[in-house]
Structures are given as structure tokens and as C-alpha cells.
């Protein structure tokens, strides 16, 4: 059995609720350190001795900005698809090569399932203007996959709340089935302020963050309060994901984000990327995403956050970093 096949088997166990995350992550680290040229080059620059890494906290995280300038792959293989970031900010779009889309789709479903139930039980409506315009978005792919596997023949993905969008919303409300509206923050705020929509109890609304320069950044609590008031719902959920990851984290009813089965979040000192984890303190977010077996599983993001309870909060962006499309909420603490 090849090293990769063995790791896939171990990841399958984690997905199904068995196995030890740390031991698997250390094996993935060793595999990627040897077979990912970009990650190996980075480790060499840090003078890291691969064999001396024996705990999660010791694993170096690859700066996420390298996805904009390098093809981050472990081994040699032909990608089934490239996902590209939304293109906000002043620099190039990040690229993530996806070896197998069925793997991405499976992880997306497994990440969503514990918090909202089977995605096929919802009528899906996406309000994702910037993502549709830019193309090759992982978020659009995920929502489209959920929409296509739904049991119901209603919904769709829209750039704006046009007449077709309104018709789908009204038909879903009339049917009484469960509706799932997922959208970027500025688009949902526009919808809430239009005064044209009042969603019934059969709806779940999820924001993915992102003002895209269309509005001033506000806190997540303010955003959710405005959406609840304007859309007539009792609660708002959230999604946290990015081009460079294959896993997502979800939050229901304004709670902390909960990571998927192959994902673990750490927080580093904001001004020291090599500092140890700081539970309870605000700092830069580091993510282990073992679903990134064929790219890099150890990502140093430019998001600010903190570990809170059994989940994590996303508190904004680090100074000097490009805006992202997924959860750009800024918190004033």
C-alpha cells in the first residue's frame, strides 16, 4: 500500500469518527514535507528537521499568500479543477488545485451535516454576486452541489435578487419545505434593507461574510441583528471557508464556528508567526485541514480570531492583509 493510500484510509477513519487526529496529522506532515516542493522549500528556509516534529504545536504553517504565487501540490498529479479566490484586494487571486472533486464534495457534506442536517433536505438559494462574476469559486461549487443534490426542484444561485430570485423564494415559502439562503454579507444586507422580504420559519439564513468594499465593515453581532430585523427570522448562521481549504466551519444561531472532521484551528501571536498557541487570546488563525492531503494541510491565514469554548471566533483581518470574501467581520474589542 502506498503512503498516500494509507493516509486516505486514516482520513476515512477520522471522517467516520474513529482514529487519533494528532497522530494522523503528524503522518500527513511527514508525507507533505517530503513530497510538496513548496512546503519543503519553506521548511528548509526555517531549518526545520522533519524527524524532530513530534506534536501538532510544533508543525510549521505555510503562509497562505504562497497560494497566489506558487502551485501548492503534494506529489505530481493532474488536477480535476482549479479553485480561485474572489479577487478582492489589490493582489493576484489565490489558486488551489483540486485533485478529486468528489473528495471536496464529500468533505463539504460532512462538515455541514452535524450543524444543520442533510443538505439534500433543503431547497438551496445562493445570493453570491461577486463569486459568480469572478468564476471558479469553491463557495459557488459547494452551494451548487448542495442545490443539485436537493430532493426539491426549487432554488438556484443568483447574482442579484431579481424577479426570478423572488419567485423562487415565494415558491419555497408556499411549499412549506425547508429553505436555505446563503449569501455574502453585503448582498444579504441589501436584501434586508429592501423591505421586500419576510422569511417564514422554514428558512435558515447563512452569511459567508464579506463586504467587498461595498459597505463599511461591522461586527458580526451587528450584522446578525440587522439581518434578523430586516428578514424576519429568529437567527442567522455563518460559514467560514476559503479557497485554500477543502474543509469548512459552520456556526448556527450566532454561535462559535465548529470545524469539520478533518480540520483543527490554532491561534498564534499576531506579531510572531512562530509563537505557540494562545487559547482565549486574539491572534492570527492557523488551520490544519487534513482534507488538503494533495496540497498543504498546514495553513497560516491572515485572519484574526480566538479559541472560544469548543469552537473558534473570527474577529477580522490582520493589518496590511488583502480582503477576503469569507467572513471579513471586524470586531472592536
Protein backbone atom coordinates (compact mmCIF):
# COMPACT_ATOMS: atom_id res chain seq x y z
CA UNK A 1 0.00 0.00 0.00
CA UNK A 2 1.39 3.42 -0.96
CA UNK A 3 1.89 6.12 1.65
CA UNK A 4 -0.92 8.19 0.14
CA UNK A 5 -3.39 5.27 0.15
CA UNK A 6 -2.57 4.60 3.78
CA UNK A 7 -3.22 8.25 4.64
CA UNK A 8 -6.51 8.25 2.74
CA UNK A 9 -7.56 5.24 4.83
CA UNK A 10 -6.62 7.07 8.05
CA UNK A 11 -8.55 10.15 6.92
CA UNK A 12 -11.59 7.99 6.20
CA UNK A 13 -11.43 6.75 9.79
CA UNK A 14 -11.36 10.34 11.09
CA UNK A 15 -14.33 11.26 8.91
CA UNK A 16 -16.23 8.31 10.37
CA UNK A 17 -15.41 9.29 13.94
CA UNK A 18 -12.50 6.99 14.77
CA UNK A 19 -8.75 7.40 14.90
CA UNK A 20 -6.49 9.99 16.52
CA UNK A 21 -6.29 13.40 14.83
CA UNK A 22 -2.82 14.26 16.11
CA UNK A 23 -1.15 11.04 15.01
CA UNK A 24 -2.72 11.27 11.56
CA UNK A 25 -1.75 14.94 11.24
CA UNK A 26 1.86 14.12 12.07
CA UNK A 27 1.89 11.46 9.37
CA UNK A 28 0.41 13.89 6.87
CA UNK A 29 3.06 16.44 7.87
CA UNK A 30 5.86 13.96 7.22
CA UNK A 31 4.34 12.99 3.86
CA UNK A 32 3.89 16.59 2.71
CA UNK A 33 7.28 17.71 3.99
CA UNK A 34 8.87 15.10 1.75
CA UNK A 35 6.62 15.38 -1.32
CA UNK A 36 5.45 19.01 -1.51
CA UNK A 37 8.21 21.11 -3.08
CA UNK A 38 6.79 24.45 -1.92
CA UNK A 39 6.29 23.29 1.67
CA UNK A 40 9.67 21.55 1.72
CA UNK A 41 11.39 24.72 0.50
CA UNK A 42 9.66 26.69 3.25
CA UNK A 43 10.70 24.17 5.92
CA UNK A 44 14.30 24.28 4.68
CA UNK A 45 14.32 28.07 4.96
CA UNK A 46 13.21 27.65 8.58
CA UNK A 47 15.91 24.99 9.15
CA UNK A 48 13.22 22.54 10.28
CA UNK A 49 14.33 18.97 10.93
CA UNK A 50 11.31 16.94 9.80
CA UNK A 51 12.08 13.97 12.04
CA UNK A 52 12.13 16.17 15.15
CA UNK A 53 8.49 17.29 14.82
CA UNK A 54 6.54 15.23 17.36
CA UNK A 55 3.47 17.33 18.29
CA UNK A 56 0.83 19.37 16.49
CA UNK A 57 2.05 22.57 18.10
CA UNK A 58 5.50 22.10 16.54
CA UNK A 59 4.30 21.84 12.93
CA UNK A 60 5.15 24.95 10.87
CA UNK A 61 2.25 26.51 8.96
CA UNK A 62 2.69 27.58 5.34
CA UNK A 63 1.87 31.29 4.72
CA UNK A 64 -1.39 31.40 2.79
CA UNK A 65 -0.03 34.08 0.44
CA UNK A 66 2.06 31.43 -1.33
CA UNK A 67 -1.11 30.10 -2.97
CA UNK A 68 -1.06 33.31 -5.04
CA UNK A 69 2.42 32.79 -6.45
CA UNK A 70 3.07 29.03 -6.42
CA UNK A 71 1.22 25.85 -7.34
CA UNK A 72 0.99 24.15 -3.96
CA UNK A 73 0.84 20.40 -4.68
CA UNK A 74 1.99 17.30 -2.83
CA UNK A 75 3.31 14.88 -5.44
CA UNK A 76 2.72 15.03 -9.17
CA UNK A 77 -0.85 14.68 -10.42
CA UNK A 78 -3.36 16.26 -12.78
CA UNK A 79 -5.95 18.44 -11.10
CA UNK A 80 -9.66 17.95 -11.84
CA UNK A 81 -10.32 21.63 -11.12
CA UNK A 82 -8.67 24.85 -10.01
CA UNK A 83 -10.47 26.93 -7.40
CA UNK A 84 -9.65 30.63 -7.43
CA UNK A 85 -10.20 33.24 -4.72
CA UNK A 86 -12.71 36.03 -5.28
CA UNK A 87 -10.12 38.55 -6.39
CA UNK A 88 -10.86 41.29 -3.85
CA UNK A 89 -7.92 43.34 -2.68
CA UNK A 90 -5.01 44.57 -4.78
CA UNK A 91 -3.02 41.40 -5.42
CA UNK A 92 -3.36 38.25 -7.51
CA UNK A 93 -6.04 35.63 -6.95
CA UNK A 94 -5.10 32.56 -4.93
CA UNK A 95 -5.20 29.20 -6.77
CA UNK A 96 -5.91 25.81 -5.25
CA UNK A 97 -5.58 22.67 -7.34
CA UNK A 98 -8.25 20.07 -6.52
CA UNK A 99 -7.24 16.52 -7.35
CA UNK A 100 -10.68 14.92 -6.93
CA UNK A 101 -13.92 16.94 -6.77
CA UNK A 102 -15.79 14.01 -5.24
CA UNK A 103 -13.46 14.26 -2.23
CA UNK A 104 -14.13 18.00 -1.89
CA UNK A 105 -17.88 17.36 -2.15
CA UNK A 106 -17.78 14.65 0.48
CA UNK A 107 -15.88 16.81 2.96
CA UNK A 108 -18.29 19.71 2.37
CA UNK A 109 -21.28 17.50 3.18
CA UNK A 110 -19.59 16.00 6.26
CA UNK A 111 -18.69 19.49 7.55
CA UNK A 112 -22.26 20.74 7.11
CA UNK A 113 -24.17 17.71 8.37
CA UNK A 114 -23.69 17.93 12.17
CA UNK A 115 -24.97 21.50 12.44
CA UNK A 116 -27.90 21.74 10.03
CA UNK A 117 -28.69 18.17 8.96
CA UNK A 118 -28.51 16.63 5.49
CA UNK A 119 -28.05 19.36 2.85
CA UNK A 120 -30.34 17.49 0.46
CA UNK A 121 -33.26 18.17 2.82
CA UNK A 122 -33.14 21.90 1.97
CA UNK A 123 -34.12 23.99 -1.02
CA UNK A 124 -30.91 25.92 -1.68
CA UNK A 125 -30.79 29.56 -2.74
CA UNK A 126 -27.42 31.27 -3.13
CA UNK A 127 -27.02 35.06 -3.31
CA UNK A 128 -23.37 35.24 -4.36
CA UNK A 129 -22.80 38.20 -6.69
CA UNK A 130 -19.04 38.66 -6.62
CA UNK A 131 -18.31 34.94 -6.69
CA UNK A 132 -20.40 34.28 -9.80
CA UNK A 133 -18.79 37.20 -11.60
CA UNK A 134 -15.24 36.07 -10.88
CA UNK A 135 -15.76 32.36 -11.62
CA UNK A 136 -14.05 29.18 -10.34
CA UNK A 137 -15.23 29.79 -6.77
CA UNK A 138 -15.14 26.95 -4.25
CA UNK A 139 -18.13 28.52 -2.47
CA UNK A 140 -20.21 28.57 -5.66
CA UNK A 141 -19.21 24.97 -6.35
CA UNK A 142 -20.26 23.85 -2.87
CA UNK A 143 -23.61 25.65 -2.95
CA UNK A 144 -24.29 24.42 -6.48
CA UNK A 145 -23.52 20.84 -5.44
CA UNK A 146 -25.91 21.10 -2.49
CA UNK A 147 -28.54 22.65 -4.77
CA UNK A 148 -28.22 19.89 -7.38
CA UNK A 149 -28.43 17.08 -4.82
CA UNK A 150 -31.50 18.57 -3.09
CA UNK A 151 -34.67 16.49 -3.05
CA UNK A 152 -36.58 19.53 -4.29
CA UNK A 153 -36.72 21.17 -7.71
CA UNK A 154 -36.61 24.74 -6.45
CA UNK A 155 -33.90 27.30 -5.69
CA UNK A 156 -30.72 28.24 -7.53
CA UNK A 157 -27.74 30.60 -7.36
CA UNK A 158 -28.22 34.28 -8.14
CA UNK A 159 -26.08 37.37 -8.70
CA UNK A 160 -28.83 39.69 -7.51
CA UNK A 161 -32.35 39.49 -6.04
CA UNK A 162 -34.12 39.79 -9.39
CA UNK A 163 -37.65 38.63 -10.28
CA UNK A 164 -36.52 35.02 -10.68
CA UNK A 165 -34.91 35.11 -7.23
CA UNK A 166 -38.09 36.48 -5.69
CA UNK A 167 -40.20 33.88 -7.47
CA UNK A 168 -38.05 31.03 -6.10
CA UNK A 169 -38.22 32.46 -2.56
CA UNK A 170 -42.02 32.75 -2.70
CA UNK A 171 -42.45 29.25 -4.14
CA UNK A 172 -40.28 27.72 -1.42
CA UNK A 173 -42.19 29.60 1.28
CA UNK A 174 -45.51 28.48 -0.20
CA UNK A 175 -44.40 24.85 -0.38
CA UNK A 176 -43.54 24.69 3.33
CA UNK A 177 -40.29 22.79 2.73
CA UNK A 178 -37.05 23.88 4.39
CA UNK A 179 -35.24 26.69 2.62
CA UNK A 180 -31.54 27.52 2.91
CA UNK A 181 -30.48 31.02 1.83
CA UNK A 182 -26.71 31.51 1.82
CA UNK A 183 -25.13 34.78 0.78
CA UNK A 184 -22.35 37.31 1.21
CA UNK A 185 -22.95 39.91 3.89
CA UNK A 186 -23.44 42.99 1.72
CA UNK A 187 -25.96 41.17 -0.51
CA UNK A 188 -27.97 39.93 2.47
CA UNK A 189 -27.92 43.42 3.99
CA UNK A 190 -29.21 44.88 0.74
CA UNK A 191 -31.97 42.28 0.82
CA UNK A 192 -32.82 43.06 4.45
CA UNK A 193 -32.96 46.81 3.82
CA UNK A 194 -35.15 46.48 0.74
CA UNK A 195 -38.20 45.79 2.93
CA UNK A 196 -39.47 43.31 0.35
CA UNK A 197 -38.80 40.07 2.18
CA UNK A 198 -40.09 38.43 5.33
CA UNK A 199 -38.93 34.85 5.64
CA UNK A 200 -41.08 32.20 7.27
CA UNK A 201 -39.96 29.78 9.98
CA UNK A 202 -38.98 27.12 7.44
CA UNK A 203 -35.90 29.16 6.41
CA UNK A 204 -32.29 29.00 7.58
CA UNK A 205 -30.20 32.01 6.51
CA UNK A 206 -26.41 31.81 6.44
CA UNK A 207 -23.93 34.62 5.83
CA UNK A 208 -20.47 33.89 4.48
CA UNK A 209 -19.06 37.30 5.43
CA UNK A 210 -17.58 39.79 3.03
CA UNK A 211 -18.49 43.42 2.37
CA UNK A 212 -16.23 43.51 -0.74
CA UNK A 213 -15.73 47.24 -0.27
CA UNK A 214 -19.45 47.81 -0.87
CA UNK A 215 -20.13 48.73 2.78
CA UNK A 216 -18.29 49.60 5.95
CA UNK A 217 -17.20 46.59 7.96
CA UNK A 218 -19.35 45.95 11.03
CA UNK A 219 -19.26 43.43 13.84
CA UNK A 220 -20.83 40.05 13.37
CA UNK A 221 -23.33 40.79 16.14
CA UNK A 222 -24.40 43.99 14.38
CA UNK A 223 -24.70 42.19 11.06
CA UNK A 224 -26.83 39.40 12.50
CA UNK A 225 -29.02 41.86 14.38
CA UNK A 226 -29.70 43.82 11.20
CA UNK A 227 -30.41 40.68 9.18
CA UNK A 228 -32.76 39.27 11.83
CA UNK A 229 -34.69 42.54 11.97
CA UNK A 230 -34.82 43.05 8.21
CA UNK A 231 -35.55 39.49 7.11
CA UNK A 232 -37.94 38.46 9.88
CA UNK A 233 -36.02 35.39 11.05
CA UNK A 234 -35.12 34.29 14.56
CA UNK A 235 -31.45 33.54 13.93
CA UNK A 236 -28.61 33.76 11.42
CA UNK A 237 -25.97 31.12 10.77
CA UNK A 238 -22.45 31.58 9.38
CA UNK A 239 -19.98 29.75 7.15
CA UNK A 240 -16.18 30.05 7.27
CA UNK A 241 -14.18 28.74 4.37
CA UNK A 242 -11.60 29.80 1.85
CA UNK A 243 -10.12 28.85 -1.50
CA UNK A 244 -7.03 27.35 0.12
CA UNK A 245 -9.04 24.89 2.25
CA UNK A 246 -11.22 21.93 1.38
CA UNK A 247 -13.00 21.88 4.76
CA UNK A 248 -15.48 24.44 6.06
CA UNK A 249 -16.54 25.54 9.53
CA UNK A 250 -20.16 26.42 10.34
CA UNK A 251 -21.95 28.35 13.04
CA UNK A 252 -25.64 28.15 13.80
CA UNK A 253 -27.61 30.84 15.65
CA UNK A 254 -24.64 33.19 16.02
CA UNK A 255 -22.51 30.73 17.98
CA UNK A 256 -18.83 29.92 17.61
CA UNK A 257 -17.58 28.26 14.45
CA UNK A 258 -17.31 24.48 14.63
CA UNK A 259 -14.65 22.86 12.46
CA UNK A 260 -15.24 19.91 10.16
CA UNK A 261 -13.92 16.41 10.99
CA UNK A 262 -10.55 16.94 9.27
CA UNK A 263 -10.00 20.50 10.50
CA UNK A 264 -8.39 21.96 13.61
CA UNK A 265 -7.83 25.63 14.40
CA UNK A 266 -5.00 27.23 16.36
CA UNK A 267 -4.30 30.87 17.26
CA UNK A 268 -0.79 32.33 17.10
CA UNK A 269 0.68 35.60 18.37
CA UNK A 270 -0.43 38.26 15.87
CA UNK A 271 3.08 39.73 15.58
CA UNK A 272 5.01 36.45 15.78
CA UNK A 273 4.01 33.75 13.27
CA UNK A 274 6.10 31.12 15.05
CA UNK A 275 4.66 31.64 18.51
CA UNK A 276 2.86 28.83 20.36
CA UNK A 277 -0.91 28.61 20.52
CA UNK A 278 -2.70 31.25 22.62
CA UNK A 279 -6.03 29.79 23.84
CA UNK A 280 -8.51 32.52 24.72
CA UNK A 281 -6.36 35.32 23.28
CA UNK A 282 -6.80 37.14 19.98
CA UNK A 283 -4.21 36.32 17.34
CA UNK A 284 -3.62 35.01 13.84
CA UNK A 285 -5.53 31.89 12.81
CA UNK A 286 -3.58 28.79 11.82
CA UNK A 287 -5.54 25.91 10.33
CA UNK A 288 -4.82 22.23 9.96
CA UNK A 289 -7.02 20.89 7.18
CA UNK A 290 -6.19 17.25 6.57
CA UNK A 291 -8.60 17.27 3.63
CA UNK A 292 -5.78 19.14 1.84
CA UNK A 293 -3.84 15.90 1.56
CA UNK A 294 -2.75 16.65 -2.01
CA UNK A 295 -1.88 20.32 -1.46
CA UNK A 296 -0.85 21.53 2.01
CA UNK A 297 -2.71 20.79 5.24
CA UNK A 298 -0.96 23.40 7.41
CA UNK A 299 -2.07 26.93 6.58
CA UNK A 300 -1.11 30.21 8.23
CA UNK A 301 -4.03 32.53 7.41
CA UNK A 302 -4.22 36.31 7.68
CA UNK A 303 -7.42 36.16 9.70
CA UNK A 304 -7.63 37.22 13.33
CA UNK A 305 -9.51 35.09 15.80
CA UNK A 306 -9.52 33.31 19.10
CA UNK A 307 -10.37 29.91 20.51
CA UNK A 308 -13.63 30.14 22.42
CA UNK A 309 -15.32 27.25 24.21
CA UNK A 310 -15.33 24.22 21.95
CA UNK A 311 -15.08 26.33 18.79
CA UNK A 312 -13.45 29.49 17.49
CA UNK A 313 -14.33 33.06 16.59
CA UNK A 314 -13.23 35.00 13.51
CA UNK A 315 -12.53 38.58 14.52
CA UNK A 316 -11.25 40.28 11.40
CA UNK A 317 -8.19 40.63 9.18
CA UNK A 318 -4.61 41.37 10.11
CA UNK A 319 -3.26 44.83 9.24
CA UNK A 320 -1.83 45.02 5.73
CA UNK A 321 -3.58 41.85 4.52
CA UNK A 322 -5.82 41.65 1.48
CA UNK A 323 -9.54 41.45 2.00
CA UNK A 324 -11.09 38.02 1.56
CA UNK A 325 -14.57 37.03 0.60
CA UNK A 326 -15.24 34.75 3.55
CA UNK A 327 -16.01 36.32 6.92
CA UNK A 328 -14.37 39.74 6.90
CA UNK A 329 -16.18 40.84 10.05
CA UNK A 330 -14.18 43.26 12.14
CA UNK A 331 -14.66 43.18 15.90
CA UNK A 332 -13.83 46.16 18.09
CA UNK A 333 -12.56 44.73 21.37
